[in-house]
Amino acid sequence: MNVKKYMKIISLALAFCLVLWCGFAVAGYVINRETDTSDEELGLSKLKGKRVNVLLMATDEGGQRTDTMMLASFDREREQLNILSIPRDTKVTINNSAQKINAAYAIGKHELAIKTVRDMVGMPIHYYAVVNPDGFSAIIDVLGGVDIDVPQRMKYSDPAQNLYIDLYPGMQHLDGDKAEQFCRFRSYPEGDIGRVKAQQMFIKALIEQKLNLDLIFKAKDIFAEVEKYLTTNISLADIGTFIPLMKLVSAEKTNTYQLPGEPRYINNISYYICDREETDKLINEVFLNIVPEESTNPSGNPVPTAKK
């Protein structure tokens, strides 16, 4: 394989590595193509819009619940990548019962996770990718690690999740194991919101440090790791569409957002409550580029309308 082709493939793989907490969402082939989700939403052959939306998920140690969930939206028209982080404690209704959104995957796999996020944001989801818990550290090691300015002392252990975090503050080089500790740490004053911000910091550092020609020579090793840990509906036929989107992947053209809302205890259970009004506003103005404009109603008073 020539250098130019290698670069295209590795750029494609890296684009998704950035936005998943940090496995690869595509390896150039289908690993799990079966889905009950509508063909109108899944599959680029059906895609006719200006955006490509990908739901990116990483499961916890048991491989059941999603420890991280992000919606990556590639805007072809404006040439940018917008990423919406969805806190795992976000309160949703599944089967007429209150649940945290991280349970959607455990209950109904990617089909239910897609439906739940789609209903929340009001946008179609064309692709999905799930990385299992072992994939993250292995892939980061293949990439050669990431330099991060750790903002605080990170100390935490959870034997049930096989999670042991022990990082000191300051600029340092994180290998796969330490990078996983950094991305999974939650003991911030803001709770899970602090973890989302740390993950977004990690994403941008990964973009700046790893999206370069040096990775061409690691392509084979990267793909060997991807195969073991990934489930996605992205196929070889979709590669050609994603390659032009790679120019969107840079720190300057990548925008990260948090699902609007606030943490709250309900019946002694910690939830994150989505602010529907602010979420609709964020989706319309940032992701869909629907800009409000004023018009006049029959009474002569200005009323907001919207246009693309």
Protein backbone atom coordinates (compact mmCIF):
# COMPACT_ATOMS: atom_id res chain seq x y z
CA MET A 1 0.00 0.00 0.00
CA ASN A 2 1.44 3.40 -0.99
CA VAL A 3 2.02 6.25 1.45
CA LYS A 4 -0.87 8.36 0.15
CA LYS A 5 -3.36 5.53 0.56
CA TYR A 6 -1.98 4.70 3.99
CA MET A 7 -2.44 8.31 5.05
CA LYS A 8 -6.06 8.35 3.96
CA ILE A 9 -6.83 5.17 5.84
CA ILE A 10 -5.00 6.14 9.01
CA SER A 11 -6.63 9.59 8.95
CA LEU A 12 -10.00 7.93 8.70
CA ALA A 13 -9.24 5.67 11.65
CA LEU A 14 -7.88 8.56 13.69
CA ALA A 15 -10.92 10.74 13.11
CA PHE A 16 -13.01 8.32 15.10
CA CYS A 17 -10.27 7.56 17.58
CA LEU A 18 -10.52 11.20 18.58
CA VAL A 19 -14.18 11.20 19.35
CA LEU A 20 -14.63 7.87 20.99
CA TRP A 21 -12.90 7.82 24.37
CA CYS A 22 -10.60 6.68 22.29
CA GLY A 23 -10.99 3.51 20.41
CA PHE A 24 -11.31 3.47 16.66
CA ALA A 25 -14.73 3.60 15.11
CA VAL A 26 -13.67 2.38 11.72
CA ALA A 27 -11.12 -0.05 10.37
CA GLY A 28 -12.28 -0.19 6.77
CA TYR A 29 -14.58 -3.15 7.08
CA VAL A 30 -17.75 -4.29 8.76
CA ILE A 31 -17.39 -6.05 12.08
CA ASN A 32 -21.05 -6.17 12.92
CA ARG A 33 -23.40 -5.14 10.14
CA GLU A 34 -26.60 -6.61 11.57
CA THR A 35 -29.09 -4.01 12.82
CA ASP A 36 -32.81 -3.54 13.24
CA THR A 37 -32.47 0.23 12.88
CA SER A 38 -34.13 1.76 9.84
CA ASP A 39 -32.13 1.70 6.62
CA GLU A 40 -33.22 5.30 6.19
CA GLU A 41 -30.88 6.16 9.04
CA LEU A 42 -28.07 3.63 8.83
CA GLY A 43 -25.88 3.37 5.79
CA LEU A 44 -24.32 6.08 3.67
CA SER A 45 -26.05 4.81 0.56
CA LYS A 46 -29.20 6.32 2.07
CA LEU A 47 -27.49 9.50 3.21
CA LYS A 48 -28.36 12.60 1.21
CA GLY A 49 -27.98 15.41 3.74
CA LYS A 50 -25.20 17.84 4.56
CA ARG A 51 -24.18 16.04 7.74
CA VAL A 52 -22.89 12.65 8.78
CA ASN A 53 -23.87 11.77 12.35
CA VAL A 54 -22.05 9.00 14.22
CA LEU A 55 -22.96 7.72 17.69
CA LEU A 56 -19.76 6.73 19.48
CA MET A 57 -19.88 4.56 22.56
CA ALA A 58 -17.42 2.89 24.92
CA THR A 59 -18.64 0.20 27.28
CA ASP A 60 -17.70 -0.30 30.92
CA GLU A 61 -15.63 -3.16 32.29
CA GLY A 62 -18.52 -5.59 32.03
CA GLY A 63 -19.15 -4.64 28.42
CA GLN A 64 -22.80 -3.92 29.16
CA ARG A 65 -23.42 -0.26 29.93
CA THR A 66 -21.91 2.63 27.99
CA ASP A 67 -19.30 4.39 30.09
CA THR A 68 -18.97 7.11 27.46
CA MET A 69 -21.37 8.31 24.78
CA MET A 70 -20.69 11.01 22.20
CA LEU A 71 -22.50 12.14 19.07
CA ALA A 72 -20.06 13.24 16.36
CA SER A 73 -21.60 15.34 13.58
CA PHE A 74 -19.52 15.99 10.47
CA ASP A 75 -20.86 19.16 8.82
CA ARG A 76 -19.93 18.99 5.16
CA GLU A 77 -21.22 22.44 4.28
CA ARG A 78 -19.45 24.37 7.03
CA GLU A 79 -16.48 21.99 7.08
CA GLN A 80 -16.39 21.34 10.80
CA LEU A 81 -16.83 18.56 13.33
CA ASN A 82 -19.22 19.11 16.23
CA ILE A 83 -19.16 16.68 19.15
CA LEU A 84 -21.92 16.41 21.75
CA SER A 85 -20.97 14.61 24.97
CA ILE A 86 -23.92 12.93 26.70
CA PRO A 87 -23.38 12.26 30.43
CA ARG A 88 -23.92 8.62 31.26
CA ASP A 89 -26.29 9.53 34.12
CA THR A 90 -28.68 11.41 31.80
CA LYS A 91 -32.25 10.52 32.79
CA VAL A 92 -34.33 8.92 30.04
CA THR A 93 -37.47 6.78 29.82
CA ILE A 94 -37.01 3.23 28.53
CA ASN A 95 -39.92 0.78 28.44
CA ASN A 96 -42.00 3.21 30.51
CA SER A 97 -39.36 3.21 33.25
CA ALA A 98 -36.88 5.86 34.39
CA GLN A 99 -33.34 4.86 33.46
CA LYS A 100 -29.91 6.35 33.04
CA ILE A 101 -28.94 6.60 29.39
CA ASN A 102 -25.96 4.29 29.94
CA ALA A 103 -28.48 1.47 30.44
CA ALA A 104 -29.87 1.78 26.90
CA TYR A 105 -27.05 -0.29 25.42
CA ALA A 106 -27.36 -2.91 28.17
CA ILE A 107 -31.10 -3.27 27.56
CA GLY A 108 -31.25 -3.11 23.77
CA LYS A 109 -27.70 -2.89 22.41
CA HIS A 110 -26.89 -0.31 19.75
CA GLU A 111 -30.44 -0.28 18.34
CA LEU A 112 -31.93 1.06 21.57
CA ALA A 113 -28.98 3.35 22.25
CA ILE A 114 -29.42 4.91 18.80
CA LYS A 115 -33.17 5.35 19.27
CA THR A 116 -32.73 6.89 22.71
CA VAL A 117 -30.16 9.44 21.55
CA ARG A 118 -32.07 10.16 18.35
CA ASP A 119 -35.24 10.93 20.31
CA MET A 120 -33.27 13.22 22.60
CA VAL A 121 -31.48 15.29 19.95
CA GLY A 122 -33.99 15.07 17.11
CA MET A 123 -31.37 14.19 14.49
CA PRO A 124 -30.89 11.00 12.46
CA ILE A 125 -27.95 8.79 13.36
CA HIS A 126 -26.32 7.28 10.31
CA TYR A 127 -23.58 5.23 11.93
CA TYR A 128 -22.59 3.83 15.28
CA ALA A 129 -19.41 2.45 16.78
CA VAL A 130 -18.84 0.65 20.08
CA VAL A 131 -15.45 -0.10 21.60
CA ASN A 132 -15.07 -2.57 24.44
CA PRO A 133 -13.14 -1.66 27.61
CA ASP A 134 -9.94 -3.43 26.63
CA GLY A 135 -9.58 -1.50 23.38
CA PHE A 136 -8.80 1.94 24.67
CA SER A 137 -5.45 1.42 26.41
CA ALA A 138 -4.19 -0.98 23.71
CA ILE A 139 -4.88 1.50 20.91
CA ILE A 140 -3.35 4.43 22.77
CA ASP A 141 -0.20 2.34 23.32
CA VAL A 142 -0.05 1.62 19.59
CA LEU A 143 -0.33 5.37 18.95
CA GLY A 144 2.60 6.00 21.28
CA GLY A 145 0.72 7.66 24.12
CA VAL A 146 -0.49 11.25 24.57
CA ASP A 147 0.92 14.27 26.41
CA ILE A 148 -1.62 15.77 28.83
CA ASP A 149 -1.52 18.45 31.51
CA VAL A 150 -3.34 16.58 34.28
CA PRO A 151 -5.35 19.28 36.10
CA GLN A 152 -5.52 17.72 39.59
CA ARG A 153 -4.60 14.76 41.76
CA MET A 154 -6.55 11.74 40.53
CA LYS A 155 -6.89 8.91 43.04
CA TYR A 156 -9.70 6.35 42.91
CA SER A 157 -10.26 2.60 42.95
CA ASP A 158 -13.19 0.37 42.07
CA PRO A 159 -12.24 -3.34 42.17
CA ALA A 160 -15.65 -4.31 40.75
CA GLN A 161 -14.81 -2.38 37.58
CA ASN A 162 -11.13 -3.34 37.70
CA LEU A 163 -10.47 0.39 37.83
CA TYR A 164 -7.46 1.81 39.66
CA ILE A 165 -6.61 5.47 39.13
CA ASP A 166 -3.46 7.08 40.52
CA LEU A 167 -2.26 10.20 38.66
CA TYR A 168 -0.50 13.32 39.88
CA PRO A 169 -1.15 16.81 38.48
CA GLY A 170 1.07 18.37 35.84
CA MET A 171 2.20 17.90 32.25
CA GLN A 172 3.12 14.28 31.56
CA HIS A 173 3.14 11.55 28.95
CA LEU A 174 0.26 9.10 29.36
CA ASP A 175 0.56 5.56 28.06
CA GLY A 176 -2.58 3.53 27.40
CA ASP A 177 -3.18 2.55 31.02
CA LYS A 178 -2.69 6.08 32.35
CA ALA A 179 -4.75 7.58 29.52
CA GLU A 180 -7.60 5.28 30.51
CA GLN A 181 -7.26 6.41 34.11
CA PHE A 182 -7.38 10.04 33.01
CA CYS A 183 -10.51 9.55 30.87
CA ARG A 184 -12.42 7.49 33.43
CA PHE A 185 -11.73 9.59 36.54
CA ARG A 186 -14.96 11.11 37.89
CA SER A 187 -14.17 12.65 41.30
CA TYR A 188 -14.45 16.28 40.23
CA PRO A 189 -16.40 19.00 42.06
CA GLU A 190 -18.88 18.83 39.13
CA GLY A 191 -18.98 15.05 39.11
CA ASP A 192 -19.47 13.44 35.71
CA ILE A 193 -19.45 16.85 34.03
CA GLY A 194 -15.80 17.23 35.01
CA ARG A 195 -15.07 13.86 33.43
CA VAL A 196 -16.74 14.95 30.20
CA LYS A 197 -14.54 18.06 30.10
CA ALA A 198 -11.43 15.94 30.69
CA GLN A 199 -12.41 13.62 27.84
CA GLN A 200 -12.89 16.60 25.55
CA MET A 201 -9.45 17.87 26.56
CA PHE A 202 -8.05 14.44 25.70
CA ILE A 203 -9.77 14.49 22.30
CA LYS A 204 -8.17 17.78 21.31
CA ALA A 205 -4.74 16.70 22.54
CA LEU A 206 -5.06 13.53 20.49
CA ILE A 207 -6.01 15.49 17.38
CA GLU A 208 -3.11 17.91 17.73
CA GLN A 209 -0.49 15.28 18.52
CA LYS A 210 -1.48 12.25 16.46
CA LEU A 211 -3.06 13.34 13.20
CA ASN A 212 0.18 13.36 11.22
CA LEU A 213 2.28 11.37 8.77
CA ASP A 214 4.21 9.59 11.51
CA LEU A 215 1.21 7.34 12.05
CA ILE A 216 1.39 5.98 8.50
CA PHE A 217 4.03 3.52 9.60
CA LYS A 218 1.84 2.26 12.46
CA ALA A 219 -1.24 1.65 10.32
CA LYS A 220 -0.95 -2.13 10.28
CA ASP A 221 -0.50 -2.34 14.04
CA ILE A 222 -3.43 0.01 14.60
CA PHE A 223 -5.77 -2.01 12.42
CA ALA A 224 -4.69 -5.22 14.13
CA GLU A 225 -5.76 -3.70 17.45
CA VAL A 226 -9.01 -2.27 16.07
CA GLU A 227 -10.23 -5.64 14.88
CA LYS A 228 -10.25 -7.06 18.40
CA TYR A 229 -12.22 -4.38 20.16
CA LEU A 230 -14.69 -2.77 17.76
CA THR A 231 -18.32 -3.20 16.74
CA THR A 232 -19.62 -0.87 14.02
CA ASN A 233 -21.90 -0.69 10.99
CA ILE A 234 -19.31 1.23 8.95
CA SER A 235 -18.34 -0.83 5.94
CA LEU A 236 -15.63 -0.75 3.34
CA ALA A 237 -18.12 0.84 0.93
CA ASP A 238 -18.43 3.83 3.28
CA ILE A 239 -14.73 4.66 3.36
CA GLY A 240 -14.83 6.83 0.26
CA THR A 241 -17.37 9.15 1.83
CA PHE A 242 -15.49 9.56 5.08
CA ILE A 243 -12.12 10.35 3.52
CA PRO A 244 -13.15 13.87 2.34
CA LEU A 245 -14.37 14.57 5.87
CA MET A 246 -10.88 14.13 7.28
CA LYS A 247 -10.02 17.74 6.50
CA LEU A 248 -12.54 18.64 9.18
CA VAL A 249 -10.51 16.91 11.85
CA SER A 250 -8.27 19.53 13.38
CA ALA A 251 -8.30 21.30 16.71
CA GLU A 252 -9.46 24.50 15.01
CA LYS A 253 -12.39 22.84 13.25
CA THR A 254 -13.48 20.59 16.09
CA ASN A 255 -16.07 21.95 18.53
CA THR A 256 -17.07 20.09 21.69
CA TYR A 257 -20.30 20.57 23.61
CA GLN A 258 -21.98 19.12 26.67
CA LEU A 259 -25.64 18.13 26.68
CA PRO A 260 -27.37 21.06 28.43
CA GLY A 261 -28.80 20.20 31.83
CA GLU A 262 -27.93 19.75 35.48
CA PRO A 263 -27.26 16.94 37.98
CA ARG A 264 -30.09 16.15 40.38
CA TYR A 265 -31.03 13.50 42.93
CA ILE A 266 -34.42 11.85 42.38
CA ASN A 267 -35.54 9.19 44.87
CA ASN A 268 -31.95 9.04 46.14
CA ILE A 269 -30.64 8.27 42.65
CA SER A 270 -28.17 10.61 40.96
CA TYR A 271 -29.35 11.67 37.50
CA TYR A 272 -28.36 14.26 34.94
CA ILE A 273 -31.51 16.10 33.83
CA CYS A 274 -31.47 17.25 30.22
CA ASP A 275 -32.66 20.84 29.64
CA ARG A 276 -34.96 20.28 26.66
CA GLU A 277 -35.24 23.94 25.67
CA GLU A 278 -31.49 24.56 25.75
CA THR A 279 -30.79 21.24 24.02
CA ASP A 280 -33.16 22.10 21.17
CA LYS A 281 -31.50 25.50 20.87
CA LEU A 282 -28.00 23.98 20.79
CA ILE A 283 -28.97 21.37 18.19
CA ASN A 284 -30.75 23.87 15.96
CA GLU A 285 -28.20 26.66 16.08
CA VAL A 286 -24.92 24.73 16.30
CA PHE A 287 -25.51 21.31 14.77
CA LEU A 288 -28.24 22.08 12.22
CA ASN A 289 -27.20 25.70 11.56
CA ILE A 290 -30.77 26.93 11.82
CA VAL A 291 -30.48 30.65 12.46
CA PRO A 292 -33.48 32.43 14.03
CA GLU A 293 -34.78 35.45 12.19
CA GLU A 294 -37.57 37.85 13.03
CA SER A 295 -40.82 38.19 11.12
CA THR A 296 -44.06 39.97 11.94
CA ASN A 297 -47.35 38.35 12.94
CA PRO A 298 -50.78 39.84 12.08
CA SER A 299 -50.74 41.92 15.26
CA GLY A 300 -47.54 43.63 14.14
CA ASN A 301 -45.39 42.10 16.85
CA PRO A 302 -42.10 40.44 15.84
CA VAL A 303 -42.05 36.66 16.23
CA PRO A 304 -39.08 34.35 15.77
CA THR A 305 -38.91 32.11 12.74
CA ALA A 306 -36.04 30.00 11.55
CA LYS A 307 -34.15 29.37 8.37
CA LYS A 308 -31.28 27.17 7.36
